[in-house]
Amino acid sequence: MDKTKRLRKSGITYKKSQSKIKQRFKKLETLVYVNFNLSNKELAEKIGVSEKEFYRGKYNLVANDLKIKYKQQSLF
């Protein structure tokens, strides 16, 4: 079972786990905004997630999309 999405028997997710996920995605976005050249391993360490969870929790897909977006917006 995916640890990022804790579910009750009724299928409703826990608020605490959802808020942690939202905070991690916000932190991920700010890190990529500041420096889009960071590797996925470095991003996983900085947001406080293991590499396995980084790829399982779809953080890598969001990170790659953000890297492309902010690379196009950069001046250099």
C-alpha atoms as a PDB file:
ATOM      1  CA  MET A   1       0.000   0.000   0.000  1.00  0.00           C
ATOM      2  CA  ASP A   2       1.201   3.478  -0.794  1.00  0.00           C
ATOM      3  CA  LYS A   3       2.338   5.232   2.378  1.00  0.00           C
ATOM      4  CA  THR A   4       1.630   8.709   1.039  1.00  0.00           C
ATOM      5  CA  LYS A   5      -2.103   8.042   0.929  1.00  0.00           C
ATOM      6  CA  ARG A   6      -3.371   6.617   4.190  1.00  0.00           C
ATOM      7  CA  LEU A   7      -6.977   5.578   3.855  1.00  0.00           C
ATOM      8  CA  ARG A   8      -9.695   4.743   6.297  1.00  0.00           C
ATOM      9  CA  LYS A   9     -11.952   1.772   5.673  1.00  0.00           C
ATOM     10  CA  SER A  10     -14.488   4.081   4.068  1.00  0.00           C
ATOM     11  CA  GLY A  11     -11.900   5.319   1.578  1.00  0.00           C
ATOM     12  CA  ILE A  12     -11.508   8.776   3.117  1.00  0.00           C
ATOM     13  CA  THR A  13      -7.918   9.995   3.433  1.00  0.00           C
ATOM     14  CA  TYR A  14      -6.431  11.317   6.656  1.00  0.00           C
ATOM     15  CA  LYS A  15      -6.086  15.112   6.828  1.00  0.00           C
ATOM     16  CA  LYS A  16      -2.636  14.988   8.420  1.00  0.00           C
ATOM     17  CA  SER A  17      -1.140  12.848   5.663  1.00  0.00           C
ATOM     18  CA  GLN A  18      -2.755  15.012   2.980  1.00  0.00           C
ATOM     19  CA  SER A  19      -1.376  18.186   4.563  1.00  0.00           C
ATOM     20  CA  LYS A  20       2.131  16.671   4.683  1.00  0.00           C
ATOM     21  CA  ILE A  21       1.904  15.821   0.991  1.00  0.00           C
ATOM     22  CA  LYS A  22       0.756  19.346   0.125  1.00  0.00           C
ATOM     23  CA  GLN A  23       3.611  20.858   2.154  1.00  0.00           C
ATOM     24  CA  ARG A  24       6.142  18.631   0.403  1.00  0.00           C
ATOM     25  CA  PHE A  25       4.853  19.605  -3.030  1.00  0.00           C
ATOM     26  CA  LYS A  26       5.016  23.314  -2.100  1.00  0.00           C
ATOM     27  CA  LYS A  27       8.575  22.881  -0.840  1.00  0.00           C
ATOM     28  CA  LEU A  28       9.455  20.963  -3.995  1.00  0.00           C
ATOM     29  CA  GLU A  29       8.109  23.774  -6.150  1.00  0.00           C
ATOM     30  CA  THR A  30      10.093  26.435  -4.280  1.00  0.00           C
ATOM     31  CA  LEU A  31      13.289  24.366  -4.496  1.00  0.00           C
ATOM     32  CA  VAL A  32      12.919  23.861  -8.242  1.00  0.00           C
ATOM     33  CA  TYR A  33      12.026  27.531  -8.687  1.00  0.00           C
ATOM     34  CA  VAL A  34      15.236  28.585  -6.950  1.00  0.00           C
ATOM     35  CA  ASN A  35      17.466  26.052  -8.698  1.00  0.00           C
ATOM     36  CA  PHE A  36      16.088  23.898 -11.506  1.00  0.00           C
ATOM     37  CA  ASN A  37      19.437  22.100 -11.939  1.00  0.00           C
ATOM     38  CA  LEU A  38      19.094  20.064  -8.733  1.00  0.00           C
ATOM     39  CA  SER A  39      19.031  16.315  -9.246  1.00  0.00           C
ATOM     40  CA  ASN A  40      16.090  14.225  -8.100  1.00  0.00           C
ATOM     41  CA  LYS A  41      18.244  12.662  -5.389  1.00  0.00           C
ATOM     42  CA  GLU A  42      19.073  16.098  -3.960  1.00  0.00           C
ATOM     43  CA  LEU A  43      15.424  17.159  -4.146  1.00  0.00           C
ATOM     44  CA  ALA A  44      14.329  14.016  -2.303  1.00  0.00           C
ATOM     45  CA  GLU A  45      16.829  14.726   0.486  1.00  0.00           C
ATOM     46  CA  LYS A  46      15.779  18.362   0.797  1.00  0.00           C
ATOM     47  CA  ILE A  47      12.045  17.690   1.035  1.00  0.00           C
ATOM     48  CA  GLY A  48      12.656  14.909   3.565  1.00  0.00           C
ATOM     49  CA  VAL A  49      11.543  11.907   1.543  1.00  0.00           C
ATOM     50  CA  SER A  50      13.436   8.738   0.671  1.00  0.00           C
ATOM     51  CA  GLU A  51      14.331   8.157  -2.964  1.00  0.00           C
ATOM     52  CA  LYS A  52      11.909   5.248  -3.155  1.00  0.00           C
ATOM     53  CA  GLU A  53       9.064   7.401  -1.858  1.00  0.00           C
ATOM     54  CA  PHE A  54      10.123  10.219  -4.188  1.00  0.00           C
ATOM     55  CA  TYR A  55       9.496   8.024  -7.225  1.00  0.00           C
ATOM     56  CA  ARG A  56       6.536   6.112  -5.802  1.00  0.00           C
ATOM     57  CA  GLY A  57       4.720   9.249  -4.653  1.00  0.00           C
ATOM     58  CA  LYS A  58       4.947  10.865  -8.106  1.00  0.00           C
ATOM     59  CA  TYR A  59       7.192  13.661  -6.831  1.00  0.00           C
ATOM     60  CA  ASN A  60       9.551  12.949  -9.728  1.00  0.00           C
ATOM     61  CA  LEU A  61       6.881  13.647 -12.357  1.00  0.00           C
ATOM     62  CA  VAL A  62       5.985  16.961 -10.771  1.00  0.00           C
ATOM     63  CA  ALA A  63       9.673  17.843 -10.365  1.00  0.00           C
ATOM     64  CA  ASN A  64      10.416  17.103 -14.018  1.00  0.00           C
ATOM     65  CA  ASP A  65       7.473  19.213 -15.192  1.00  0.00           C
ATOM     66  CA  LEU A  66       8.545  22.090 -12.946  1.00  0.00           C
ATOM     67  CA  LYS A  67      12.156  21.818 -14.156  1.00  0.00           C
ATOM     68  CA  ILE A  68      11.016  22.152 -17.759  1.00  0.00           C
ATOM     69  CA  LYS A  69       8.743  25.067 -16.894  1.00  0.00           C
ATOM     70  CA  TYR A  70      11.336  27.049 -14.944  1.00  0.00           C
ATOM     71  CA  LYS A  71      14.146  26.234 -17.372  1.00  0.00           C
ATOM     72  CA  GLN A  72      12.129  27.883 -20.158  1.00  0.00           C
ATOM     73  CA  GLN A  73      11.559  30.945 -17.981  1.00  0.00           C
ATOM     74  CA  SER A  74      15.195  31.367 -16.994  1.00  0.00           C
ATOM     75  CA  LEU A  75      17.285  34.156 -18.497  1.00  0.00           C
ATOM     76  CA  PHE A  76      20.495  32.169 -18.838  1.00  0.00           C
END
